[in-house]
Amino acid sequence: PMTHDLMKTLVERCGAKIDRVEVHDVRNNTFFAMIYLRQPCGEILAIDARPSDALALALRTRAVIRVAKKVIDKVRRIDLRRADARMRAPMDEEHFPEPEIECCRELLERLGDHVFGKWKM
């Protein structure tokens, strides 16, 4: 099974339930989340998690998803054009000259589906 499906199965087989997921902070364009797991005894256990994993698990278990107001307020102020430019910066010609980029592009284009096994790209 896929990782998030496996996580869901493990939680359920242990008699627990995903109570909720909270995205509680964002710093330097990095989001932080917690998974709140309700144990069979009723006690809630907070588990630090990557937001992508927490959200994927919440969607699979139909758990409540909460986002802190401060996260929403911070995200409104992020200049996505600057953030996008920073994410692409390592791929500019200064770091990877055009011949290297072209070589990699050609290599990737020649790869067949068999390279990826049953996970076709």
PDB file of N, CA and C in Angstrom:
ATOM      1  N   PRO A   1       0.827  -1.212   0.000  1.00  0.00           N
ATOM      2  CA  PRO A   1       0.000   0.000   0.000  1.00  0.00           C
ATOM      3  C   PRO A   1       0.864   1.267   0.000  1.00  0.00           C
ATOM      4  N   MET A   2       0.262   2.341  -0.416  1.00  0.00           N
ATOM      5  CA  MET A   2       0.950   3.626  -0.379  1.00  0.00           C
ATOM      6  C   MET A   2       1.178   4.007   1.088  1.00  0.00           C
ATOM      7  N   THR A   3       2.162   4.843   1.336  1.00  0.00           N
ATOM      8  CA  THR A   3       2.561   5.185   2.700  1.00  0.00           C
ATOM      9  C   THR A   3       1.398   5.713   3.542  1.00  0.00           C
ATOM     10  N   HIS A   4       0.604   6.626   2.995  1.00  0.00           N
ATOM     11  CA  HIS A   4      -0.489   7.214   3.786  1.00  0.00           C
ATOM     12  C   HIS A   4      -1.590   6.190   4.057  1.00  0.00           C
ATOM     13  N   ASP A   5      -1.799   5.276   3.117  1.00  0.00           N
ATOM     14  CA  ASP A   5      -2.769   4.209   3.350  1.00  0.00           C
ATOM     15  C   ASP A   5      -2.255   3.261   4.430  1.00  0.00           C
ATOM     16  N   LEU A   6      -0.953   3.013   4.411  1.00  0.00           N
ATOM     17  CA  LEU A   6      -0.341   2.179   5.446  1.00  0.00           C
ATOM     18  C   LEU A   6      -0.480   2.842   6.815  1.00  0.00           C
ATOM     19  N   MET A   7      -0.222   4.160   6.878  1.00  0.00           N
ATOM     20  CA  MET A   7      -0.369   4.889   8.143  1.00  0.00           C
ATOM     21  C   MET A   7      -1.802   4.772   8.657  1.00  0.00           C
ATOM     22  N   LYS A   8      -2.753   4.949   7.772  1.00  0.00           N
ATOM     23  CA  LYS A   8      -4.167   4.863   8.148  1.00  0.00           C
ATOM     24  C   LYS A   8      -4.484   3.477   8.707  1.00  0.00           C
ATOM     25  N   THR A   9      -4.014   2.440   8.038  1.00  0.00           N
ATOM     26  CA  THR A   9      -4.257   1.076   8.490  1.00  0.00           C
ATOM     27  C   THR A   9      -3.621   0.822   9.856  1.00  0.00           C
ATOM     28  N   LEU A  10      -2.386   1.283  10.044  1.00  0.00           N
ATOM     29  CA  LEU A  10      -1.711   1.104  11.330  1.00  0.00           C
ATOM     30  C   LEU A  10      -2.478   1.767  12.467  1.00  0.00           C
ATOM     31  N   VAL A  11      -2.910   2.997  12.236  1.00  0.00           N
ATOM     32  CA  VAL A  11      -3.667   3.725  13.260  1.00  0.00           C
ATOM     33  C   VAL A  11      -4.946   2.964  13.602  1.00  0.00           C
ATOM     34  N   GLU A  12      -5.679   2.551  12.572  1.00  0.00           N
ATOM     35  CA  GLU A  12      -6.948   1.859  12.795  1.00  0.00           C
ATOM     36  C   GLU A  12      -6.753   0.506  13.475  1.00  0.00           C
ATOM     37  N   ARG A  13      -5.727  -0.243  13.067  1.00  0.00           N
ATOM     38  CA  ARG A  13      -5.475  -1.568  13.651  1.00  0.00           C
ATOM     39  C   ARG A  13      -5.059  -1.470  15.112  1.00  0.00           C
ATOM     40  N   CYS A  14      -4.495  -0.315  15.489  1.00  0.00           N
ATOM     41  CA  CYS A  14      -4.119  -0.098  16.894  1.00  0.00           C
ATOM     42  C   CYS A  14      -5.315   0.390  17.707  1.00  0.00           C
ATOM     43  N   GLY A  15      -6.467   0.506  17.065  1.00  0.00           N
ATOM     44  CA  GLY A  15      -7.674   0.934  17.759  1.00  0.00           C
ATOM     45  C   GLY A  15      -7.757   2.435  17.958  1.00  0.00           C
ATOM     46  N   ALA A  16      -6.867   3.179  17.305  1.00  0.00           N
ATOM     47  CA  ALA A  16      -6.851   4.635  17.453  1.00  0.00           C
ATOM     48  C   ALA A  16      -7.618   5.285  16.297  1.00  0.00           C
ATOM     49  N   LYS A  17      -7.713   6.590  16.375  1.00  0.00           N
ATOM     50  CA  LYS A  17      -8.432   7.364  15.355  1.00  0.00           C
ATOM     51  C   LYS A  17      -7.747   8.716  15.213  1.00  0.00           C
ATOM     52  N   ILE A  18      -7.650   9.205  13.991  1.00  0.00           N
ATOM     53  CA  ILE A  18      -7.124  10.556  13.774  1.00  0.00           C
ATOM     54  C   ILE A  18      -8.228  11.519  14.193  1.00  0.00           C
ATOM     55  N   ASP A  19      -7.991  12.262  15.258  1.00  0.00           N
ATOM     56  CA  ASP A  19      -8.978  13.196  15.784  1.00  0.00           C
ATOM     57  C   ASP A  19      -9.041  14.450  14.920  1.00  0.00           C
ATOM     58  N   ARG A  20      -7.848  14.989  14.616  1.00  0.00           N
ATOM     59  CA  ARG A  20      -7.777  16.196  13.791  1.00  0.00           C
ATOM     60  C   ARG A  20      -6.336  16.427  13.368  1.00  0.00           C
ATOM     61  N   VAL A  21      -6.184  17.304  12.402  1.00  0.00           N
ATOM     62  CA  VAL A  21      -4.872  17.746  11.934  1.00  0.00           C
ATOM     63  C   VAL A  21      -4.871  19.265  12.007  1.00  0.00           C
ATOM     64  N   GLU A  22      -3.778  19.816  12.503  1.00  0.00           N
ATOM     65  CA  GLU A  22      -3.675  21.279  12.592  1.00  0.00           C
ATOM     66  C   GLU A  22      -2.386  21.754  11.936  1.00  0.00           C
ATOM     67  N   VAL A  23      -2.524  22.695  11.007  1.00  0.00           N
ATOM     68  CA  VAL A  23      -1.370  23.396  10.451  1.00  0.00           C
ATOM     69  C   VAL A  23      -1.212  24.605  11.355  1.00  0.00           C
ATOM     70  N   HIS A  24      -0.163  24.609  12.180  1.00  0.00           N
ATOM     71  CA  HIS A  24      -0.081  25.590  13.263  1.00  0.00           C
ATOM     72  C   HIS A  24       0.929  26.713  13.065  1.00  0.00           C
ATOM     73  N   ASP A  25       1.835  26.583  12.083  1.00  0.00           N
ATOM     74  CA  ASP A  25       2.830  27.647  11.913  1.00  0.00           C
ATOM     75  C   ASP A  25       3.412  27.602  10.516  1.00  0.00           C
ATOM     76  N   VAL A  26       3.970  28.727  10.106  1.00  0.00           N
ATOM     77  CA  VAL A  26       4.736  28.822   8.869  1.00  0.00           C
ATOM     78  C   VAL A  26       5.903  29.760   9.144  1.00  0.00           C
ATOM     79  N   ARG A  27       7.116  29.270   8.850  1.00  0.00           N
ATOM     80  CA  ARG A  27       8.331  30.070   9.027  1.00  0.00           C
ATOM     81  C   ARG A  27       9.212  29.883   7.812  1.00  0.00           C
ATOM     82  N   ASN A  28       9.649  30.993   7.225  1.00  0.00           N
ATOM     83  CA  ASN A  28      10.504  30.938   6.026  1.00  0.00           C
ATOM     84  C   ASN A  28       9.892  30.051   4.944  1.00  0.00           C
ATOM     85  N   ASN A  29       8.603  30.215   4.706  1.00  0.00           N
ATOM     86  CA  ASN A  29       7.849  29.458   3.699  1.00  0.00           C
ATOM     87  C   ASN A  29       7.803  27.960   3.984  1.00  0.00           C
ATOM     88  N   THR A  30       8.057  27.553   5.225  1.00  0.00           N
ATOM     89  CA  THR A  30       7.949  26.158   5.627  1.00  0.00           C
ATOM     90  C   THR A  30       6.785  26.026   6.607  1.00  0.00           C
ATOM     91  N   PHE A  31       5.849  25.144   6.287  1.00  0.00           N
ATOM     92  CA  PHE A  31       4.678  24.949   7.117  1.00  0.00           C
ATOM     93  C   PHE A  31       4.938  23.852   8.148  1.00  0.00           C
ATOM     94  N   PHE A  32       4.256  23.958   9.297  1.00  0.00           N
ATOM     95  CA  PHE A  32       4.391  22.993  10.380  1.00  0.00           C
ATOM     96  C   PHE A  32       3.007  22.509  10.771  1.00  0.00           C
ATOM     97  N   ALA A  33       2.906  21.192  11.033  1.00  0.00           N
ATOM     98  CA  ALA A  33       1.599  20.618  11.356  1.00  0.00           C
ATOM     99  C   ALA A  33       1.714  19.601  12.486  1.00  0.00           C
ATOM    100  N   MET A  34       0.564  19.311  13.071  1.00  0.00           N
ATOM    101  CA  MET A  34       0.442  18.305  14.120  1.00  0.00           C
ATOM    102  C   MET A  34      -0.728  17.384  13.753  1.00  0.00           C
ATOM    103  N   ILE A  35      -0.546  16.108  14.045  1.00  0.00           N
ATOM    104  CA  ILE A  35      -1.627  15.134  13.933  1.00  0.00           C
ATOM    105  C   ILE A  35      -2.050  14.810  15.364  1.00  0.00           C
ATOM    106  N   TYR A  36      -3.345  14.910  15.634  1.00  0.00           N
ATOM    107  CA  TYR A  36      -3.869  14.581  16.962  1.00  0.00           C
ATOM    108  C   TYR A  36      -4.565  13.219  16.869  1.00  0.00           C
ATOM    109  N   LEU A  37      -3.969  12.256  17.553  1.00  0.00           N
ATOM    110  CA  LEU A  37      -4.413  10.874  17.510  1.00  0.00           C
ATOM    111  C   LEU A  37      -5.175  10.545  18.793  1.00  0.00           C
ATOM    112  N   ARG A  38      -6.423  10.085  18.638  1.00  0.00           N
ATOM    113  CA  ARG A  38      -7.209   9.689  19.808  1.00  0.00           C
ATOM    114  C   ARG A  38      -6.961   8.205  20.051  1.00  0.00           C
ATOM    115  N   GLN A  39      -6.385   7.912  21.205  1.00  0.00           N
ATOM    116  CA  GLN A  39      -6.076   6.534  21.574  1.00  0.00           C
ATOM    117  C   GLN A  39      -7.340   5.829  22.057  1.00  0.00           C
ATOM    118  N   PRO A  40      -7.334   4.494  22.076  1.00  0.00           N
ATOM    119  CA  PRO A  40      -8.525   3.758  22.521  1.00  0.00           C
ATOM    120  C   PRO A  40      -9.011   4.162  23.913  1.00  0.00           C
ATOM    121  N   CYS A  41      -8.090   4.580  24.791  1.00  0.00           N
ATOM    122  CA  CYS A  41      -8.482   4.996  26.142  1.00  0.00           C
ATOM    123  C   CYS A  41      -9.108   6.392  26.152  1.00  0.00           C
ATOM    124  N   GLY A  42      -9.109   7.073  25.001  1.00  0.00           N
ATOM    125  CA  GLY A  42      -9.685   8.412  24.891  1.00  0.00           C
ATOM    126  C   GLY A  42      -8.666   9.527  24.978  1.00  0.00           C
ATOM    127  N   GLU A  43      -7.461   9.202  25.405  1.00  0.00           N
ATOM    128  CA  GLU A  43      -6.406  10.212  25.512  1.00  0.00           C
ATOM    129  C   GLU A  43      -5.965  10.653  24.115  1.00  0.00           C
ATOM    130  N   ILE A  44      -5.679  11.950  23.993  1.00  0.00           N
ATOM    131  CA  ILE A  44      -5.223  12.509  22.718  1.00  0.00           C
ATOM    132  C   ILE A  44      -3.699  12.596  22.736  1.00  0.00           C
ATOM    133  N   LEU A  45      -3.095  12.114  21.674  1.00  0.00           N
ATOM    134  CA  LEU A  45      -1.648  12.151  21.521  1.00  0.00           C
ATOM    135  C   LEU A  45      -1.312  13.077  20.354  1.00  0.00           C
ATOM    136  N   ALA A  46      -0.473  14.098  20.588  1.00  0.00           N
ATOM    137  CA  ALA A  46      -0.068  15.040  19.538  1.00  0.00           C
ATOM    138  C   ALA A  46       1.221  14.548  18.892  1.00  0.00           C
ATOM    139  N   ILE A  47       1.222  14.485  17.560  1.00  0.00           N
ATOM    140  CA  ILE A  47       2.374  13.995  16.815  1.00  0.00           C
ATOM    141  C   ILE A  47       2.779  15.041  15.789  1.00  0.00           C
ATOM    142  N   ASP A  48       4.041  15.459  15.848  1.00  0.00           N
ATOM    143  CA  ASP A  48       4.586  16.410  14.885  1.00  0.00           C
ATOM    144  C   ASP A  48       4.657  15.733  13.520  1.00  0.00           C
ATOM    145  N   ALA A  49       4.261  16.437  12.464  1.00  0.00           N
ATOM    146  CA  ALA A  49       4.250  15.825  11.137  1.00  0.00           C
ATOM    147  C   ALA A  49       4.461  16.869  10.046  1.00  0.00           C
ATOM    148  N   ARG A  50       4.934  16.390   8.906  1.00  0.00           N
ATOM    149  CA  ARG A  50       4.984  17.277   7.744  1.00  0.00           C
ATOM    150  C   ARG A  50       3.541  17.565   7.342  1.00  0.00           C
ATOM    151  N   PRO A  51       3.237  18.793   6.973  1.00  0.00           N
ATOM    152  CA  PRO A  51       1.860  19.117   6.588  1.00  0.00           C
ATOM    153  C   PRO A  51       1.331  18.234   5.463  1.00  0.00           C
ATOM    154  N   SER A  52       2.161  17.922   4.487  1.00  0.00           N
ATOM    155  CA  SER A  52       1.686  17.093   3.375  1.00  0.00           C
ATOM    156  C   SER A  52       1.237  15.722   3.872  1.00  0.00           C
ATOM    157  N   ASP A  53       1.993  15.121   4.790  1.00  0.00           N
ATOM    158  CA  ASP A  53       1.611  13.825   5.354  1.00  0.00           C
ATOM    159  C   ASP A  53       0.366  13.946   6.223  1.00  0.00           C
ATOM    160  N   ALA A  54       0.337  14.986   7.045  1.00  0.00           N
ATOM    161  CA  ALA A  54      -0.806  15.193   7.938  1.00  0.00           C
ATOM    162  C   ALA A  54      -2.097  15.382   7.139  1.00  0.00           C
ATOM    163  N   LEU A  55      -2.037  16.196   6.099  1.00  0.00           N
ATOM    164  CA  LEU A  55      -3.230  16.451   5.285  1.00  0.00           C
ATOM    165  C   LEU A  55      -3.657  15.210   4.517  1.00  0.00           C
ATOM    166  N   ALA A  56      -2.696  14.476   3.965  1.00  0.00           N
ATOM    167  CA  ALA A  56      -3.025  13.250   3.232  1.00  0.00           C
ATOM    168  C   ALA A  56      -3.712  12.246   4.156  1.00  0.00           C
ATOM    169  N   LEU A  57      -3.213  12.125   5.371  1.00  0.00           N
ATOM    170  CA  LEU A  57      -3.805  11.204   6.338  1.00  0.00           C
ATOM    171  C   LEU A  57      -5.196  11.682   6.769  1.00  0.00           C
ATOM    172  N   ALA A  58      -5.342  12.972   6.983  1.00  0.00           N
ATOM    173  CA  ALA A  58      -6.648  13.526   7.366  1.00  0.00           C
ATOM    174  C   ALA A  58      -7.683  13.286   6.270  1.00  0.00           C
ATOM    175  N   LEU A  59      -7.296  13.465   5.033  1.00  0.00           N
ATOM    176  CA  LEU A  59      -8.234  13.247   3.929  1.00  0.00           C
ATOM    177  C   LEU A  59      -8.647  11.780   3.842  1.00  0.00           C
ATOM    178  N   ARG A  60      -7.715  10.876   4.074  1.00  0.00           N
ATOM    179  CA  ARG A  60      -8.027   9.447   4.010  1.00  0.00           C
ATOM    180  C   ARG A  60      -8.916   8.992   5.170  1.00  0.00           C
ATOM    181  N   THR A  61      -8.821   9.672   6.291  1.00  0.00           N
ATOM    182  CA  THR A  61      -9.593   9.270   7.476  1.00  0.00           C
ATOM    183  C   THR A  61     -10.788  10.183   7.746  1.00  0.00           C
ATOM    184  N   ARG A  62     -10.971  11.155   6.881  1.00  0.00           N
ATOM    185  CA  ARG A  62     -12.063  12.139   7.030  1.00  0.00           C
ATOM    186  C   ARG A  62     -11.969  12.897   8.348  1.00  0.00           C
ATOM    187  N   ALA A  63     -10.748  13.149   8.774  1.00  0.00           N
ATOM    188  CA  ALA A  63     -10.523  13.890  10.020  1.00  0.00           C
ATOM    189  C   ALA A  63     -10.655  15.394   9.770  1.00  0.00           C
ATOM    190  N   VAL A  64     -10.902  16.118  10.833  1.00  0.00           N
ATOM    191  CA  VAL A  64     -10.999  17.577  10.783  1.00  0.00           C
ATOM    192  C   VAL A  64      -9.625  18.152  10.463  1.00  0.00           C
ATOM    193  N   ILE A  65      -9.594  19.151   9.589  1.00  0.00           N
ATOM    194  CA  ILE A  65      -8.361  19.862   9.255  1.00  0.00           C
ATOM    195  C   ILE A  65      -8.527  21.306   9.702  1.00  0.00           C
ATOM    196  N   ARG A  66      -7.592  21.768  10.530  1.00  0.00           N
ATOM    197  CA  ARG A  66      -7.626  23.156  11.011  1.00  0.00           C
ATOM    198  C   ARG A  66      -6.342  23.859  10.600  1.00  0.00           C
ATOM    199  N   VAL A  67      -6.480  25.139  10.290  1.00  0.00           N
ATOM    200  CA  VAL A  67      -5.315  25.976   9.982  1.00  0.00           C
ATOM    201  C   VAL A  67      -5.387  27.189  10.899  1.00  0.00           C
ATOM    202  N   ALA A  68      -4.293  27.428  11.625  1.00  0.00           N
ATOM    203  CA  ALA A  68      -4.257  28.550  12.569  1.00  0.00           C
ATOM    204  C   ALA A  68      -4.387  29.879  11.823  1.00  0.00           C
ATOM    205  N   LYS A  69      -5.090  30.813  12.444  1.00  0.00           N
ATOM    206  CA  LYS A  69      -5.279  32.138  11.844  1.00  0.00           C
ATOM    207  C   LYS A  69      -3.943  32.802  11.539  1.00  0.00           C
ATOM    208  N   LYS A  70      -2.953  32.622  12.430  1.00  0.00           N
ATOM    209  CA  LYS A  70      -1.653  33.257  12.194  1.00  0.00           C
ATOM    210  C   LYS A  70      -0.998  32.703  10.926  1.00  0.00           C
ATOM    211  N   VAL A  71      -1.256  31.446  10.597  1.00  0.00           N
ATOM    212  CA  VAL A  71      -0.708  30.867   9.358  1.00  0.00           C
ATOM    213  C   VAL A  71      -1.351  31.537   8.156  1.00  0.00           C
ATOM    214  N   ILE A  72      -2.653  31.676   8.190  1.00  0.00           N
ATOM    215  CA  ILE A  72      -3.367  32.328   7.090  1.00  0.00           C
ATOM    216  C   ILE A  72      -2.892  33.759   6.935  1.00  0.00           C
ATOM    217  N   ASP A  73      -2.741  34.461   8.049  1.00  0.00           N
ATOM    218  CA  ASP A  73      -2.276  35.852   7.993  1.00  0.00           C
ATOM    219  C   ASP A  73      -0.867  35.952   7.417  1.00  0.00           C
ATOM    220  N   LYS A  74       0.028  35.043   7.809  1.00  0.00           N
ATOM    221  CA  LYS A  74       1.405  35.064   7.287  1.00  0.00           C
ATOM    222  C   LYS A  74       1.432  34.741   5.798  1.00  0.00           C
ATOM    223  N   VAL A  75       0.638  33.773   5.384  1.00  0.00           N
ATOM    224  CA  VAL A  75       0.637  33.360   3.983  1.00  0.00           C
ATOM    225  C   VAL A  75       0.129  34.483   3.090  1.00  0.00           C
ATOM    226  N   ARG A  76      -0.783  35.253   3.570  1.00  0.00           N
ATOM    227  CA  ARG A  76      -1.287  36.387   2.783  1.00  0.00           C
ATOM    228  C   ARG A  76      -0.182  37.381   2.453  1.00  0.00           C
ATOM    229  N   ARG A  77       0.852  37.426   3.306  1.00  0.00           N
ATOM    230  CA  ARG A  77       1.933  38.395   3.109  1.00  0.00           C
ATOM    231  C   ARG A  77       3.089  37.841   2.283  1.00  0.00           C
ATOM    232  N   ILE A  78       3.078  36.561   1.982  1.00  0.00           N
ATOM    233  CA  ILE A  78       4.181  35.977   1.205  1.00  0.00           C
ATOM    234  C   ILE A  78       4.066  36.426  -0.242  1.00  0.00           C
ATOM    235  N   ASP A  79       5.161  36.929  -0.774  1.00  0.00           N
ATOM    236  CA  ASP A  79       5.218  37.308  -2.181  1.00  0.00           C
ATOM    237  C   ASP A  79       5.558  36.049  -2.971  1.00  0.00           C
ATOM    238  N   LEU A  80       4.564  35.445  -3.596  1.00  0.00           N
ATOM    239  CA  LEU A  80       4.767  34.179  -4.276  1.00  0.00           C
ATOM    240  C   LEU A  80       5.742  34.297  -5.440  1.00  0.00           C
ATOM    241  N   ARG A  81       5.819  35.452  -6.063  1.00  0.00           N
ATOM    242  CA  ARG A  81       6.781  35.617  -7.161  1.00  0.00           C
ATOM    243  C   ARG A  81       8.202  35.492  -6.646  1.00  0.00           C
ATOM    244  N   ARG A  82       8.498  36.103  -5.478  1.00  0.00           N
ATOM    245  CA  ARG A  82       9.840  36.010  -4.901  1.00  0.00           C
ATOM    246  C   ARG A  82      10.110  34.600  -4.404  1.00  0.00           C
ATOM    247  N   ALA A  83       9.132  33.972  -3.786  1.00  0.00           N
ATOM    248  CA  ALA A  83       9.310  32.609  -3.290  1.00  0.00           C
ATOM    249  C   ALA A  83       9.561  31.662  -4.454  1.00  0.00           C
ATOM    250  N   ASP A  84       8.824  31.831  -5.546  1.00  0.00           N
ATOM    251  CA  ASP A  84       8.994  30.991  -6.722  1.00  0.00           C
ATOM    252  C   ASP A  84      10.377  31.199  -7.336  1.00  0.00           C
ATOM    253  N   ALA A  85      10.830  32.427  -7.372  1.00  0.00           N
ATOM    254  CA  ALA A  85      12.158  32.721  -7.924  1.00  0.00           C
ATOM    255  C   ALA A  85      13.250  32.077  -7.076  1.00  0.00           C
ATOM    256  N   ARG A  86      13.085  32.094  -5.763  1.00  0.00           N
ATOM    257  CA  ARG A  86      14.078  31.461  -4.885  1.00  0.00           C
ATOM    258  C   ARG A  86      14.106  29.952  -5.089  1.00  0.00           C
ATOM    259  N   MET A  87      12.945  29.361  -5.340  1.00  0.00           N
ATOM    260  CA  MET A  87      12.894  27.922  -5.537  1.00  0.00           C
ATOM    261  C   MET A  87      13.586  27.519  -6.836  1.00  0.00           C
ATOM    262  N   ARG A  88      13.532  28.396  -7.838  1.00  0.00           N
ATOM    263  CA  ARG A  88      14.155  28.081  -9.113  1.00  0.00           C
ATOM    264  C   ARG A  88      15.616  28.493  -9.179  1.00  0.00           C
ATOM    265  N   ALA A  89      16.084  29.265  -8.226  1.00  0.00           N
ATOM    266  CA  ALA A  89      17.438  29.813  -8.285  1.00  0.00           C
ATOM    267  C   ALA A  89      18.527  28.777  -8.535  1.00  0.00           C
ATOM    268  N   PRO A  90      18.531  27.614  -7.867  1.00  0.00           N
ATOM    269  CA  PRO A  90      19.623  26.668  -8.101  1.00  0.00           C
ATOM    270  C   PRO A  90      19.689  26.139  -9.530  1.00  0.00           C
ATOM    271  N   MET A  91      18.627  26.283 -10.290  1.00  0.00           N
ATOM    272  CA  MET A  91      18.621  25.750 -11.643  1.00  0.00           C
ATOM    273  C   MET A  91      19.023  26.798 -12.691  1.00  0.00           C
ATOM    274  N   ASP A  92      19.431  27.975 -12.256  1.00  0.00           N
ATOM    275  CA  ASP A  92      19.804  28.972 -13.253  1.00  0.00           C
ATOM    276  C   ASP A  92      21.162  28.638 -13.864  1.00  0.00           C
ATOM    277  N   GLU A  93      21.532  29.351 -14.916  1.00  0.00           N
ATOM    278  CA  GLU A  93      22.747  29.037 -15.665  1.00  0.00           C
ATOM    279  C   GLU A  93      24.013  29.231 -14.845  1.00  0.00           C
ATOM    280  N   GLU A  94      23.962  30.063 -13.827  1.00  0.00           N
ATOM    281  CA  GLU A  94      25.135  30.260 -12.992  1.00  0.00           C
ATOM    282  C   GLU A  94      25.510  28.962 -12.279  1.00  0.00           C
ATOM    283  N   HIS A  95      24.508  28.216 -11.843  1.00  0.00           N
ATOM    284  CA  HIS A  95      24.753  26.977 -11.121  1.00  0.00           C
ATOM    285  C   HIS A  95      24.850  25.765 -12.052  1.00  0.00           C
ATOM    286  N   PHE A  96      24.044  25.760 -13.088  1.00  0.00           N
ATOM    287  CA  PHE A  96      24.048  24.673 -14.054  1.00  0.00           C
ATOM    288  C   PHE A  96      24.136  25.267 -15.455  1.00  0.00           C
ATOM    289  N   PRO A  97      25.310  25.248 -16.046  1.00  0.00           N
ATOM    290  CA  PRO A  97      25.446  25.796 -17.396  1.00  0.00           C
ATOM    291  C   PRO A  97      24.524  25.079 -18.373  1.00  0.00           C
ATOM    292  N   GLU A  98      24.122  25.756 -19.412  1.00  0.00           N
ATOM    293  CA  GLU A  98      23.186  25.227 -20.405  1.00  0.00           C
ATOM    294  C   GLU A  98      23.581  23.844 -20.926  1.00  0.00           C
ATOM    295  N   PRO A  99      24.865  23.571 -21.244  1.00  0.00           N
ATOM    296  CA  PRO A  99      25.201  22.224 -21.729  1.00  0.00           C
ATOM    297  C   PRO A  99      24.837  21.124 -20.726  1.00  0.00           C
ATOM    298  N   GLU A 100      25.018  21.383 -19.422  1.00  0.00           N
ATOM    299  CA  GLU A 100      24.655  20.385 -18.412  1.00  0.00           C
ATOM    300  C   GLU A 100      23.145  20.187 -18.356  1.00  0.00           C
ATOM    301  N   ILE A 101      22.412  21.286 -18.423  1.00  0.00           N
ATOM    302  CA  ILE A 101      20.949  21.194 -18.401  1.00  0.00           C
ATOM    303  C   ILE A 101      20.477  20.401 -19.608  1.00  0.00           C
ATOM    304  N   GLU A 102      21.034  20.694 -20.778  1.00  0.00           N
ATOM    305  CA  GLU A 102      20.630  20.006 -22.005  1.00  0.00           C
ATOM    306  C   GLU A 102      20.976  18.517 -21.938  1.00  0.00           C
ATOM    307  N   CYS A 103      22.121  18.185 -21.371  1.00  0.00           N
ATOM    308  CA  CYS A 103      22.526  16.787 -21.223  1.00  0.00           C
ATOM    309  C   CYS A 103      21.538  16.039 -20.335  1.00  0.00           C
ATOM    310  N   CYS A 104      21.172  16.645 -19.220  1.00  0.00           N
ATOM    311  CA  CYS A 104      20.200  16.025 -18.306  1.00  0.00           C
ATOM    312  C   CYS A 104      18.838  15.887 -18.974  1.00  0.00           C
ATOM    313  N   ARG A 105      18.440  16.905 -19.693  1.00  0.00           N
ATOM    314  CA  ARG A 105      17.147  16.873 -20.372  1.00  0.00           C
ATOM    315  C   ARG A 105      17.111  15.714 -21.367  1.00  0.00           C
ATOM    316  N   GLU A 106      18.177  15.559 -22.142  1.00  0.00           N
ATOM    317  CA  GLU A 106      18.230  14.476 -23.130  1.00  0.00           C
ATOM    318  C   GLU A 106      18.195  13.115 -22.445  1.00  0.00           C
ATOM    319  N   LEU A 107      18.927  12.967 -21.357  1.00  0.00           N
ATOM    320  CA  LEU A 107      18.939  11.703 -20.621  1.00  0.00           C
ATOM    321  C   LEU A 107      17.537  11.353 -20.129  1.00  0.00           C
ATOM    322  N   LEU A 108      16.857  12.315 -19.527  1.00  0.00           N
ATOM    323  CA  LEU A 108      15.517  12.073 -19.003  1.00  0.00           C
ATOM    324  C   LEU A 108      14.526  11.751 -20.110  1.00  0.00           C
ATOM    325  N   GLU A 109      14.667  12.411 -21.256  1.00  0.00           N
ATOM    326  CA  GLU A 109      13.745  12.155 -22.367  1.00  0.00           C
ATOM    327  C   GLU A 109      13.923  10.754 -22.947  1.00  0.00           C
ATOM    328  N   ARG A 110      15.132  10.190 -22.839  1.00  0.00           N
ATOM    329  CA  ARG A 110      15.396   8.858 -23.389  1.00  0.00           C
ATOM    330  C   ARG A 110      14.936   7.740 -22.458  1.00  0.00           C
ATOM    331  N   LEU A 111      14.649   8.035 -21.204  1.00  0.00           N
ATOM    332  CA  LEU A 111      14.223   7.005 -20.265  1.00  0.00           C
ATOM    333  C   LEU A 111      12.875   6.427 -20.672  1.00  0.00           C
ATOM    334  N   GLY A 112      12.774   5.125 -20.653  1.00  0.00           N
ATOM    335  CA  GLY A 112      11.515   4.464 -20.974  1.00  0.00           C
ATOM    336  C   GLY A 112      10.725   4.146 -19.721  1.00  0.00           C
ATOM    337  N   ASP A 113       9.482   3.742 -19.910  1.00  0.00           N
ATOM    338  CA  ASP A 113       8.619   3.395 -18.785  1.00  0.00           C
ATOM    339  C   ASP A 113       9.176   2.240 -17.966  1.00  0.00           C
ATOM    340  N   HIS A 114       9.908   1.336 -18.594  1.00  0.00           N
ATOM    341  CA  HIS A 114      10.438   0.165 -17.896  1.00  0.00           C
ATOM    342  C   HIS A 114      11.386   0.551 -16.756  1.00  0.00           C
ATOM    343  N   VAL A 115      11.994   1.744 -16.840  1.00  0.00           N
ATOM    344  CA  VAL A 115      12.927   2.202 -15.813  1.00  0.00           C
ATOM    345  C   VAL A 115      12.221   2.379 -14.473  1.00  0.00           C
ATOM    346  N   PHE A 116      10.959   2.749 -14.521  1.00  0.00           N
ATOM    347  CA  PHE A 116      10.211   3.059 -13.302  1.00  0.00           C
ATOM    348  C   PHE A 116       9.400   1.871 -12.791  1.00  0.00           C
ATOM    349  N   GLY A 117       9.487   0.734 -13.433  1.00  0.00           N
ATOM    350  CA  GLY A 117       8.747  -0.442 -12.986  1.00  0.00           C
ATOM    351  C   GLY A 117       7.266  -0.203 -13.100  1.00  0.00           C
ATOM    352  N   LYS A 118       6.524  -0.647 -12.089  1.00  0.00           N
ATOM    353  CA  LYS A 118       5.063  -0.522 -12.163  1.00  0.00           C
ATOM    354  C   LYS A 118       4.583   0.902 -11.908  1.00  0.00           C
ATOM    355  N   TRP A 119       5.465   1.795 -11.449  1.00  0.00           N
ATOM    356  CA  TRP A 119       5.091   3.187 -11.207  1.00  0.00           C
ATOM    357  C   TRP A 119       5.409   4.008 -12.433  1.00  0.00           C
ATOM    358  N   LYS A 120       4.516   4.028 -13.372  1.00  0.00           N
ATOM    359  CA  LYS A 120       4.746   4.743 -14.638  1.00  0.00           C
ATOM    360  C   LYS A 120       4.714   6.236 -14.402  1.00  0.00           C
ATOM    361  N   MET A 121       5.540   6.937 -15.127  1.00  0.00           N
ATOM    362  CA  MET A 121       5.618   8.389 -15.014  1.00  0.00           C
ATOM    363  C   MET A 121       4.832   9.003 -16.155  1.00  0.00           C
TER     364      MET A 121
END
